[in-house]
C-alpha atoms as a PDB file:
ATOM      1  CA  UNK A   1     -64.169 -40.349-102.947  1.00  0.00           C
ATOM      2  CA  UNK A   2     -65.212 -36.815-102.371  1.00  0.00           C
ATOM      3  CA  UNK A   3     -68.737 -35.974-101.463  1.00  0.00           C
ATOM      4  CA  UNK A   4     -70.746 -32.955-102.905  1.00  0.00           C
ATOM      5  CA  UNK A   5     -71.037 -30.412-100.944  1.00  0.00           C
ATOM      6  CA  UNK A   6     -74.732 -30.282-101.030  1.00  0.00           C
ATOM      7  CA  UNK A   7     -74.663 -33.183 -99.261  1.00  0.00           C
ATOM      8  CA  UNK A   8     -72.197 -32.405 -96.699  1.00  0.00           C
ATOM      9  CA  UNK A   9     -74.436 -28.946 -95.718  1.00  0.00           C
ATOM     10  CA  UNK A  10     -77.397 -31.393 -95.292  1.00  0.00           C
ATOM     11  CA  UNK A  11     -75.964 -33.524 -92.969  1.00  0.00           C
ATOM     12  CA  UNK A  12     -74.393 -30.566 -91.172  1.00  0.00           C
ATOM     13  CA  UNK A  13     -78.153 -28.858 -90.687  1.00  0.00           C
ATOM     14  CA  UNK A  14     -79.412 -32.044 -89.570  1.00  0.00           C
ATOM     15  CA  UNK A  15     -76.826 -32.241 -87.081  1.00  0.00           C
ATOM     16  CA  UNK A  16     -77.734 -28.990 -86.073  1.00  0.00           C
ATOM     17  CA  UNK A  17     -81.295 -29.081 -85.498  1.00  0.00           C
ATOM     18  CA  UNK A  18     -81.002 -32.076 -82.743  1.00  0.00           C
ATOM     19  CA  UNK A  19     -77.893 -30.275 -81.062  1.00  0.00           C
ATOM     20  CA  UNK A  20     -80.410 -27.134 -80.572  1.00  0.00           C
ATOM     21  CA  UNK A  21     -82.741 -29.216 -78.649  1.00  0.00           C
ATOM     22  CA  UNK A  22     -80.338 -30.870 -76.183  1.00  0.00           C
ATOM     23  CA  UNK A  23     -78.852 -27.843 -75.509  1.00  0.00           C
ATOM     24  CA  UNK A  24     -82.018 -26.025 -74.242  1.00  0.00           C
ATOM     25  CA  UNK A  25     -82.484 -29.110 -72.339  1.00  0.00           C
ATOM     26  CA  UNK A  26     -79.062 -28.562 -70.871  1.00  0.00           C
ATOM     27  CA  UNK A  27     -79.823 -25.209 -69.881  1.00  0.00           C
ATOM     28  CA  UNK A  28     -83.035 -26.067 -68.362  1.00  0.00           C
ATOM     29  CA  UNK A  29     -81.300 -28.796 -66.120  1.00  0.00           C
ATOM     30  CA  UNK A  30     -78.536 -26.470 -65.151  1.00  0.00           C
ATOM     31  CA  UNK A  31     -80.808 -23.678 -64.375  1.00  0.00           C
ATOM     32  CA  UNK A  32     -82.881 -25.964 -62.104  1.00  0.00           C
ATOM     33  CA  UNK A  33     -79.798 -27.154 -60.430  1.00  0.00           C
ATOM     34  CA  UNK A  34     -78.700 -24.024 -59.704  1.00  0.00           C
ATOM     35  CA  UNK A  35     -82.134 -22.910 -58.162  1.00  0.00           C
ATOM     36  CA  UNK A  36     -81.725 -25.967 -55.975  1.00  0.00           C
ATOM     37  CA  UNK A  37     -78.422 -25.851 -55.205  1.00  0.00           C
ATOM     38  CA  UNK A  38     -78.080 -22.123 -54.310  1.00  0.00           C
ATOM     39  CA  UNK A  39     -81.348 -19.531 -54.777  1.00  0.00           C
ATOM     40  CA  UNK A  40     -83.611 -22.208 -52.839  1.00  0.00           C
ATOM     41  CA  UNK A  41     -80.986 -22.155 -49.488  1.00  0.00           C
ATOM     42  CA  UNK A  42     -80.412 -18.559 -49.536  1.00  0.00           C
ATOM     43  CA  UNK A  43     -84.002 -17.772 -49.660  1.00  0.00           C
ATOM     44  CA  UNK A  44     -84.744 -19.950 -46.642  1.00  0.00           C
ATOM     45  CA  UNK A  45     -81.829 -18.399 -44.652  1.00  0.00           C
ATOM     46  CA  UNK A  46     -83.196 -15.238 -45.482  1.00  0.00           C
ATOM     47  CA  UNK A  47     -86.615 -16.144 -44.516  1.00  0.00           C
ATOM     48  CA  UNK A  48     -85.379 -17.426 -41.236  1.00  0.00           C
ATOM     49  CA  UNK A  49     -83.307 -14.199 -40.454  1.00  0.00           C
ATOM     50  CA  UNK A  50     -86.329 -11.975 -41.136  1.00  0.00           C
ATOM     51  CA  UNK A  51     -88.265 -13.879 -38.469  1.00  0.00           C
ATOM     52  CA  UNK A  52     -85.796 -14.041 -35.931  1.00  0.00           C
ATOM     53  CA  UNK A  53     -85.087 -10.177 -35.949  1.00  0.00           C
ATOM     54  CA  UNK A  54     -88.917  -9.796 -36.076  1.00  0.00           C
ATOM     55  CA  UNK A  55     -89.022 -11.752 -32.902  1.00  0.00           C
ATOM     56  CA  UNK A  56     -86.648  -9.787 -30.986  1.00  0.00           C
ATOM     57  CA  UNK A  57     -87.548  -8.515 -27.510  1.00  0.00           C
ATOM     58  CA  UNK A  58     -86.610  -6.605 -24.493  1.00  0.00           C
ATOM     59  CA  UNK A  59     -84.112  -9.295 -22.538  1.00  0.00           C
ATOM     60  CA  UNK A  60     -82.804 -11.211 -25.513  1.00  0.00           C
ATOM     61  CA  UNK A  61     -79.096 -11.722 -25.743  1.00  0.00           C
ATOM     62  CA  UNK A  62     -77.864 -11.249 -29.172  1.00  0.00           C
ATOM     63  CA  UNK A  63     -74.662 -11.225 -31.348  1.00  0.00           C
ATOM     64  CA  UNK A  64     -74.472  -8.762 -34.167  1.00  0.00           C
ATOM     65  CA  UNK A  65     -72.267  -9.425 -37.455  1.00  0.00           C
ATOM     66  CA  UNK A  66     -69.492  -7.367 -35.765  1.00  0.00           C
ATOM     67  CA  UNK A  67     -69.426 -10.046 -33.216  1.00  0.00           C
ATOM     68  CA  UNK A  68     -70.577  -7.695 -30.521  1.00  0.00           C
ATOM     69  CA  UNK A  69     -72.450  -9.197 -27.939  1.00  0.00           C
ATOM     70  CA  UNK A  70     -75.161  -7.806 -25.677  1.00  0.00           C
ATOM     71  CA  UNK A  71     -78.447  -7.681 -24.442  1.00  0.00           C
ATOM     72  CA  UNK A  72     -81.552  -5.841 -25.811  1.00  0.00           C
ATOM     73  CA  UNK A  73     -82.595  -3.011 -23.663  1.00  0.00           C
ATOM     74  CA  UNK A  74     -84.805  -1.199 -26.485  1.00  0.00           C
ATOM     75  CA  UNK A  75     -86.604  -2.454 -29.871  1.00  0.00           C
ATOM     76  CA  UNK A  76     -87.501  -0.262 -32.365  1.00  0.00           C
ATOM     77  CA  UNK A  77     -89.318  -0.398 -35.966  1.00  0.00           C
ATOM     78  CA  UNK A  78     -85.932  -0.567 -37.716  1.00  0.00           C
ATOM     79  CA  UNK A  79     -83.230  -0.116 -34.543  1.00  0.00           C
ATOM     80  CA  UNK A  80     -82.829  -1.640 -31.433  1.00  0.00           C
ATOM     81  CA  UNK A  81     -80.723  -0.545 -28.676  1.00  0.00           C
ATOM     82  CA  UNK A  82     -78.271  -2.846 -26.884  1.00  0.00           C
ATOM     83  CA  UNK A  83     -76.311  -2.853 -23.879  1.00  0.00           C
ATOM     84  CA  UNK A  84     -72.930  -4.371 -24.358  1.00  0.00           C
ATOM     85  CA  UNK A  85     -71.277  -3.623 -20.495  1.00  0.00           C
ATOM     86  CA  UNK A  86     -72.726  -1.594 -17.639  1.00  0.00           C
ATOM     87  CA  UNK A  87     -73.987   1.570 -19.019  1.00  0.00           C
ATOM     88  CA  UNK A  88     -72.800   1.161 -22.433  1.00  0.00           C
ATOM     89  CA  UNK A  89     -75.365   0.940 -25.066  1.00  0.00           C
ATOM     90  CA  UNK A  90     -75.343   0.867 -28.617  1.00  0.00           C
ATOM     91  CA  UNK A  91     -77.861   1.624 -31.216  1.00  0.00           C
ATOM     92  CA  UNK A  92     -78.042  -0.685 -34.370  1.00  0.00           C
ATOM     93  CA  UNK A  93     -80.076  -1.470 -37.040  1.00  0.00           C
ATOM     94  CA  UNK A  94     -82.274  -4.731 -36.640  1.00  0.00           C
ATOM     95  CA  UNK A  95     -80.469  -6.642 -39.801  1.00  0.00           C
ATOM     96  CA  UNK A  96     -77.212  -6.184 -38.024  1.00  0.00           C
ATOM     97  CA  UNK A  97     -78.196  -9.309 -35.257  1.00  0.00           C
ATOM     98  CA  UNK A  98     -76.548 -12.157 -36.480  1.00  0.00           C
ATOM     99  CA  UNK A  99     -77.780 -14.651 -33.941  1.00  0.00           C
ATOM    100  CA  UNK A 100     -80.134 -14.869 -30.479  1.00  0.00           C
ATOM    101  CA  UNK A 101     -77.920 -16.259 -27.758  1.00  0.00           C
ATOM    102  CA  UNK A 102     -79.353 -18.730 -25.296  1.00  0.00           C
ATOM    103  CA  UNK A 103     -80.766 -16.883 -22.107  1.00  0.00           C
ATOM    104  CA  UNK A 104     -77.541 -16.608 -19.356  1.00  0.00           C
ATOM    105  CA  UNK A 105     -74.880 -17.034 -21.879  1.00  0.00           C
ATOM    106  CA  UNK A 106     -73.183 -13.341 -21.319  1.00  0.00           C
ATOM    107  CA  UNK A 107     -73.247 -14.344 -17.646  1.00  0.00           C
ATOM    108  CA  UNK A 108     -70.964 -17.090 -18.234  1.00  0.00           C
ATOM    109  CA  UNK A 109     -68.494 -15.516 -20.848  1.00  0.00           C
END
């Protein structure tokens, strides 16, 4: 009951052709899922952060990535000056701003 070798090779080659197409489809599906679950949300967050940073103005109350809260005193091209206490000012990069607080948040704290 042994099968001849050329017949076995022909069967394995036919199976490999169908497997190649299904492997390609699987890779496309996985890339699509990764795009919609990881890449697209990250791009959306970056776009929102850029819009927030470009809208910074004097008097805004902000929190930095390091957790420092203060009021924006001066806005430059790439840097902002934040007053964190009376007469204590810190110069930061605009990208270091994590969030803009509602007006009056610092007085209540």
